[in-house]
Amino acid sequence: MNRRNFIRSSAGVAAAACCGLKGMAWPSEVMPGVGGRRRIGLQLYSIRETLPADHAGCLKRLADMGYAYAEAYGFDGSVFLGKRLTEWSGMLGDAGMKLSGTHCGTGLLPADVQAGEWDYWRKSIDEMNAAGGRRLIQSFLPAGKTADEVKRVAEQFNRIGELCRAGGIRFGYHNHYSEFKPVDGEALYDLLVENTEPALVFFQMDLGHVANGGGDILSYMRRYPGRFLSWHASDFRRGTGYTEVGQGDVPYDELFALAASYGLEDLTVEQETGGDVYASCRKDFDFLAGYDWTKTE
């Protein structure tokens, strides 16, 4: 058996295990509650307007709502908003929360990947391990004008996944809405899922963006069990735009009926609306707390 077939075989076992079978290559890492809190995190990009001026105060406001985790954004391999991830982990701990991971990424241009790209990922793995987080998530699609470009990016994602796996960190990809447009007859998102190794690359499905892009969320869950280990809880109402969680077209009742059997490991709110974002984040939390999956194990 060659290396690719071996990885695919192992990945198939891993995906099956997420659905309740034995022999998973990666142990399940369902995020536990923190201090009795619900298993709900927040992507800090949601509060990007206020966070830079008052790191500790903003984190406390989230903790007071009940959030257990925070996910960073814009990590450059060294710092996030001028601080190391270890510093953020400490501040989150002071607030009674934990760092789950961070959004990050490099250009990964299909025709010109530089050695510095891989150095960036190695350094990011070390920083994440030191901070106690578990996930590095590429937060944008580097290229995608043709199917061949997307397949090339998928191969690069596999390589990053190998680096992360060797370092004890999981690597994932976070979608926006443009990935659901067809390229050469197939959606960009489908090309990424089908050309990445399940044992190396997971997908953080941003549910509101999928709804905006016209993707069928439940169909993806059923077609690719075990691939969507992380959900970004957001919402979108066609004809209106992004809204608070539970107020749009995302089928949350059906999704949470599938959550455990289809491999959900962490749930992270990303609030996409304007106005009083803290009031919206509180409503998001209260809505999600109504589902049994979020209860502390």
Protein backbone atom coordinates (compact mmCIF):
# COMPACT_ATOMS: atom_id res chain seq x y z
CA MET A 1 0.00 0.00 0.00
CA ASN A 2 1.46 3.37 -0.99
CA ARG A 3 1.57 6.36 1.32
CA ARG A 4 -1.49 8.13 -0.11
CA ASN A 5 -3.64 5.00 0.04
CA PHE A 6 -2.41 4.32 3.57
CA ILE A 7 -3.40 7.83 4.67
CA ARG A 8 -6.77 7.55 2.95
CA SER A 9 -7.38 4.20 4.64
CA SER A 10 -6.45 5.60 8.03
CA ALA A 11 -8.53 8.69 7.37
CA GLY A 12 -11.54 6.58 6.51
CA VAL A 13 -11.23 4.80 9.81
CA ALA A 14 -10.96 8.15 11.57
CA ALA A 15 -14.09 9.47 9.92
CA ALA A 16 -15.95 6.28 10.72
CA ALA A 17 -14.90 6.51 14.33
CA CYS A 18 -16.43 9.96 14.54
CA CYS A 19 -19.69 8.24 13.74
CA GLY A 20 -19.34 5.77 16.60
CA LEU A 21 -17.05 3.07 15.18
CA LYS A 22 -13.73 1.91 16.61
CA GLY A 23 -10.17 2.42 15.39
CA MET A 24 -9.99 6.19 14.98
CA ALA A 25 -6.55 7.52 13.98
CA TRP A 26 -6.99 10.74 16.00
CA PRO A 27 -8.69 10.44 19.39
CA SER A 28 -11.83 12.54 19.56
CA GLU A 29 -11.15 15.91 21.16
CA VAL A 30 -14.57 17.17 22.09
CA MET A 31 -13.96 20.40 23.96
CA PRO A 32 -15.03 19.96 27.58
CA GLY A 33 -16.76 22.60 29.62
CA VAL A 34 -14.52 24.95 31.61
CA GLY A 35 -15.40 25.44 35.26
CA GLY A 36 -18.91 24.09 34.69
CA ARG A 37 -19.54 26.39 31.72
CA ARG A 38 -21.34 25.35 28.56
CA ARG A 39 -19.16 24.08 25.72
CA ILE A 40 -19.48 27.27 23.70
CA GLY A 41 -16.65 29.49 22.45
CA LEU A 42 -16.43 32.83 20.70
CA GLN A 43 -14.30 33.90 17.75
CA LEU A 44 -12.75 37.13 19.02
CA TYR A 45 -13.11 38.73 15.59
CA SER A 46 -16.72 39.26 16.66
CA ILE A 47 -15.57 41.95 19.12
CA ARG A 48 -12.73 43.33 17.02
CA GLU A 49 -13.91 46.92 17.47
CA THR A 50 -13.42 46.94 21.24
CA LEU A 51 -10.92 44.17 21.95
CA PRO A 52 -7.71 46.04 20.94
CA ALA A 53 -8.30 48.77 23.53
CA ASP A 54 -9.20 46.57 26.52
CA HIS A 55 -8.10 42.97 26.25
CA ALA A 56 -8.85 41.86 29.81
CA GLY A 57 -12.09 43.81 30.12
CA CYS A 58 -13.54 42.39 26.92
CA LEU A 59 -12.64 38.85 27.88
CA LYS A 60 -14.34 39.31 31.25
CA ARG A 61 -17.53 40.45 29.53
CA LEU A 62 -17.53 37.25 27.49
CA ALA A 63 -16.81 35.09 30.52
CA ASP A 64 -19.67 36.76 32.40
CA MET A 65 -22.01 35.69 29.59
CA GLY A 66 -20.90 32.08 30.08
CA TYR A 67 -18.47 31.54 27.22
CA ALA A 68 -15.86 28.86 27.98
CA TYR A 69 -13.47 29.35 25.06
CA ALA A 70 -12.08 32.02 22.80
CA GLU A 71 -10.58 31.66 19.34
CA ALA A 72 -8.03 34.24 18.20
CA TYR A 73 -7.76 35.71 14.70
CA GLY A 74 -5.10 37.29 12.53
CA PHE A 75 -2.24 35.43 14.22
CA ASP A 76 0.97 36.23 12.34
CA GLY A 77 3.09 33.37 13.68
CA SER A 78 4.35 35.44 16.59
CA VAL A 79 1.65 37.64 18.06
CA PHE A 80 -2.06 38.40 18.06
CA LEU A 81 -2.88 42.06 18.74
CA GLY A 82 0.66 42.59 19.97
CA LYS A 83 0.71 39.71 22.47
CA ARG A 84 2.02 36.15 22.34
CA LEU A 85 -0.59 33.40 22.45
CA THR A 86 0.77 32.37 25.84
CA GLU A 87 -0.16 35.84 27.14
CA TRP A 88 -3.66 35.49 25.74
CA SER A 89 -3.96 32.06 27.29
CA GLY A 90 -3.03 33.58 30.65
CA MET A 91 -5.58 36.38 30.33
CA LEU A 92 -8.27 33.92 29.32
CA GLY A 93 -7.39 31.76 32.31
CA ASP A 94 -7.75 34.78 34.60
CA ALA A 95 -11.24 35.27 33.18
CA GLY A 96 -12.15 31.60 33.62
CA MET A 97 -11.86 30.71 29.93
CA LYS A 98 -9.44 28.84 27.66
CA LEU A 99 -7.84 29.37 24.27
CA SER A 100 -9.20 26.87 21.75
CA GLY A 101 -7.08 27.88 18.77
CA THR A 102 -6.57 30.66 16.28
CA HIS A 103 -7.36 31.72 12.76
CA CYS A 104 -4.17 32.24 10.81
CA GLY A 105 -2.76 31.41 7.42
CA THR A 106 -0.42 32.16 4.56
CA GLY A 107 -0.82 32.92 0.88
CA LEU A 108 0.13 29.45 -0.34
CA LEU A 109 0.04 30.58 -3.95
CA PRO A 110 -0.20 27.40 -6.04
CA ALA A 111 2.71 28.20 -8.33
CA ASP A 112 5.05 29.80 -5.83
CA VAL A 113 5.07 28.39 -2.28
CA GLN A 114 8.09 29.75 -0.43
CA ALA A 115 10.10 27.99 2.25
CA GLY A 116 9.03 30.72 4.65
CA GLU A 117 5.46 29.46 4.43
CA TRP A 118 6.44 26.21 6.10
CA ASP A 119 8.59 28.03 8.66
CA TYR A 120 5.50 30.05 9.54
CA TRP A 121 3.50 26.90 10.21
CA ARG A 122 6.25 25.27 12.26
CA LYS A 123 6.53 28.37 14.41
CA SER A 124 2.75 28.60 14.77
CA ILE A 125 2.61 24.98 15.94
CA ASP A 126 5.20 25.73 18.62
CA GLU A 127 3.35 28.86 19.72
CA MET A 128 0.02 27.05 19.91
CA ASN A 129 1.49 24.19 21.92
CA ALA A 130 3.03 26.64 24.36
CA ALA A 131 -0.34 28.39 24.76
CA GLY A 132 -2.27 25.17 25.33
CA GLY A 133 -4.58 25.53 22.33
CA ARG A 134 -5.39 22.71 19.95
CA ARG A 135 -6.24 24.14 16.53
CA LEU A 136 -4.60 26.19 13.78
CA ILE A 137 -7.14 27.22 11.18
CA GLN A 138 -6.42 28.68 7.75
CA SER A 139 -9.03 31.42 7.56
CA PHE A 140 -9.07 32.19 3.85
CA LEU A 141 -8.73 30.44 0.51
CA PRO A 142 -5.38 31.43 -1.06
CA ALA A 143 -6.48 30.78 -4.64
CA GLY A 144 -9.39 29.28 -6.44
CA LYS A 145 -9.87 30.41 -10.02
CA THR A 146 -9.66 26.89 -11.43
CA ALA A 147 -10.21 23.36 -10.17
CA ASP A 148 -6.51 22.63 -10.57
CA GLU A 149 -5.61 25.61 -8.36
CA VAL A 150 -7.97 24.41 -5.64
CA LYS A 151 -6.57 20.89 -5.83
CA ARG A 152 -3.07 22.30 -5.51
CA VAL A 153 -4.10 24.26 -2.42
CA ALA A 154 -5.66 21.07 -1.03
CA GLU A 155 -2.32 19.29 -1.41
CA GLN A 156 -0.64 22.15 0.45
CA PHE A 157 -3.27 21.85 3.19
CA ASN A 158 -2.38 18.17 3.46
CA ARG A 159 1.27 19.09 3.93
CA ILE A 160 0.39 21.62 6.64
CA GLY A 161 -1.79 18.97 8.24
CA GLU A 162 1.18 16.60 8.36
CA LEU A 163 3.29 19.26 10.09
CA CYS A 164 0.52 19.97 12.59
CA ARG A 165 -0.17 16.32 13.27
CA ALA A 166 3.51 15.69 13.97
CA GLY A 167 3.39 18.60 16.43
CA GLY A 168 0.24 17.43 18.19
CA ILE A 169 -1.96 20.18 16.74
CA ARG A 170 -4.95 19.89 14.43
CA PHE A 171 -5.11 21.86 11.19
CA GLY A 172 -8.37 23.06 9.70
CA TYR A 173 -9.91 25.35 7.13
CA HIS A 174 -12.60 27.97 7.75
CA ASN A 175 -14.92 28.81 4.86
CA HIS A 176 -16.56 32.00 3.74
CA TYR A 177 -19.40 32.10 1.19
CA SER A 178 -17.53 32.30 -2.13
CA GLU A 179 -16.33 28.68 -1.83
CA PHE A 180 -19.80 27.50 -2.84
CA LYS A 181 -19.66 28.88 -6.36
CA PRO A 182 -19.00 26.27 -9.06
CA VAL A 183 -15.61 25.99 -10.74
CA ASP A 184 -15.34 23.58 -13.65
CA GLY A 185 -18.70 22.14 -12.63
CA GLU A 186 -17.98 21.56 -8.92
CA ALA A 187 -18.15 23.82 -5.89
CA LEU A 188 -14.78 25.01 -4.60
CA TYR A 189 -15.69 23.71 -1.15
CA ASP A 190 -16.38 20.20 -2.48
CA LEU A 191 -13.02 20.18 -4.23
CA LEU A 192 -11.26 21.09 -0.98
CA VAL A 193 -13.09 18.44 1.06
CA GLU A 194 -12.56 15.72 -1.53
CA ASN A 195 -8.87 16.45 -2.10
CA THR A 196 -7.74 16.79 1.52
CA GLU A 197 -6.96 13.87 3.79
CA PRO A 198 -9.47 13.42 6.62
CA ALA A 199 -6.69 12.34 8.99
CA LEU A 200 -4.80 15.59 8.32
CA VAL A 201 -7.32 18.35 7.56
CA PHE A 202 -10.62 19.14 9.26
CA PHE A 203 -13.12 21.79 8.25
CA GLN A 204 -14.48 24.50 10.49
CA MET A 205 -17.84 25.04 8.85
CA ASP A 206 -19.09 28.61 9.19
CA LEU A 207 -22.79 27.86 9.04
CA GLY A 208 -23.99 31.36 8.20
CA HIS A 209 -21.52 31.68 5.34
CA VAL A 210 -22.68 28.34 3.91
CA ALA A 211 -26.28 29.57 4.00
CA ASN A 212 -25.21 32.82 2.31
CA GLY A 213 -23.31 30.92 -0.37
CA GLY A 214 -26.26 28.67 -1.15
CA GLY A 215 -24.70 25.47 0.21
CA ASP A 216 -26.79 22.69 1.73
CA ILE A 217 -25.42 22.38 5.27
CA LEU A 218 -27.18 19.14 6.19
CA SER A 219 -26.17 17.53 2.90
CA TYR A 220 -22.50 18.27 3.63
CA MET A 221 -22.79 16.77 7.11
CA ARG A 222 -24.28 13.59 5.72
CA ARG A 223 -21.96 13.28 2.73
CA TYR A 224 -18.76 13.88 4.66
CA PRO A 225 -19.20 12.56 8.22
CA GLY A 226 -16.32 13.34 10.54
CA ARG A 227 -14.92 16.19 8.43
CA PHE A 228 -16.65 19.12 10.15
CA LEU A 229 -15.15 18.85 13.62
CA SER A 230 -15.71 22.53 14.37
CA TRP A 231 -18.73 24.70 13.67
CA HIS A 232 -18.75 28.47 13.54
CA ALA A 233 -22.20 29.26 14.87
CA SER A 234 -23.41 32.18 12.78
CA ASP A 235 -26.60 32.79 10.86
CA PHE A 236 -27.85 34.31 7.63
CA ARG A 237 -31.36 35.11 6.49
CA ARG A 238 -31.83 35.27 2.75
CA GLY A 239 -33.10 38.68 1.71
CA THR A 240 -31.98 40.27 4.97
CA GLY A 241 -28.36 39.30 5.60
CA TYR A 242 -26.39 38.13 8.62
CA THR A 243 -28.31 37.92 11.85
CA GLU A 244 -28.08 36.53 15.36
CA VAL A 245 -27.75 32.78 15.80
CA GLY A 246 -31.10 31.04 15.51
CA GLN A 247 -32.76 33.93 13.66
CA GLY A 248 -31.88 32.95 10.10
CA ASP A 249 -31.89 30.06 7.65
CA VAL A 250 -29.36 27.77 9.38
CA PRO A 251 -31.25 24.61 10.51
CA TYR A 252 -29.90 24.45 14.06
CA ASP A 253 -32.43 21.91 15.37
CA GLU A 254 -31.52 19.41 12.67
CA LEU A 255 -27.81 20.13 13.04
CA PHE A 256 -27.72 19.48 16.76
CA ALA A 257 -29.63 16.25 16.25
CA LEU A 258 -26.58 15.18 14.18
CA ALA A 259 -23.86 16.90 16.20
CA ALA A 260 -22.57 14.01 18.31
CA SER A 261 -22.82 11.27 15.71
CA TYR A 262 -21.26 13.39 12.98
CA GLY A 263 -18.18 14.31 14.96
CA LEU A 264 -18.67 17.84 16.29
CA GLU A 265 -15.84 18.68 18.68
CA ASP A 266 -16.10 22.41 19.25
CA LEU A 267 -18.71 25.09 18.79
CA THR A 268 -17.58 28.68 18.28
CA VAL A 269 -19.84 31.69 17.80
CA GLU A 270 -18.90 34.28 15.20
CA GLN A 271 -21.22 37.26 15.25
CA GLU A 272 -21.45 38.90 11.83
CA THR A 273 -23.83 41.78 12.51
CA GLY A 274 -23.39 45.40 13.54
CA GLY A 275 -25.09 47.20 16.38
CA ASP A 276 -24.56 46.14 19.99
CA VAL A 277 -22.33 43.14 19.37
CA TYR A 278 -22.16 42.18 23.05
CA ALA A 279 -25.95 42.03 23.27
CA SER A 280 -25.93 39.84 20.15
CA CYS A 281 -23.20 37.60 21.56
CA ARG A 282 -25.28 37.12 24.70
CA LYS A 283 -28.33 36.17 22.63
CA ASP A 284 -26.18 33.77 20.59
CA PHE A 285 -24.92 32.09 23.75
CA ASP A 286 -28.38 31.82 25.31
CA PHE A 287 -29.79 30.28 22.13
CA LEU A 288 -27.02 27.68 21.82
CA ALA A 289 -27.16 26.84 25.53
CA GLY A 290 -30.60 25.42 24.90
CA TYR A 291 -29.08 22.40 23.12
CA ASP A 292 -27.96 19.37 25.10
CA TRP A 293 -24.67 19.08 23.18
CA THR A 294 -23.38 22.22 24.88
CA LYS A 295 -23.73 20.83 28.38
CA THR A 296 -20.52 20.20 30.30
CA GLU A 297 -19.53 16.54 30.10
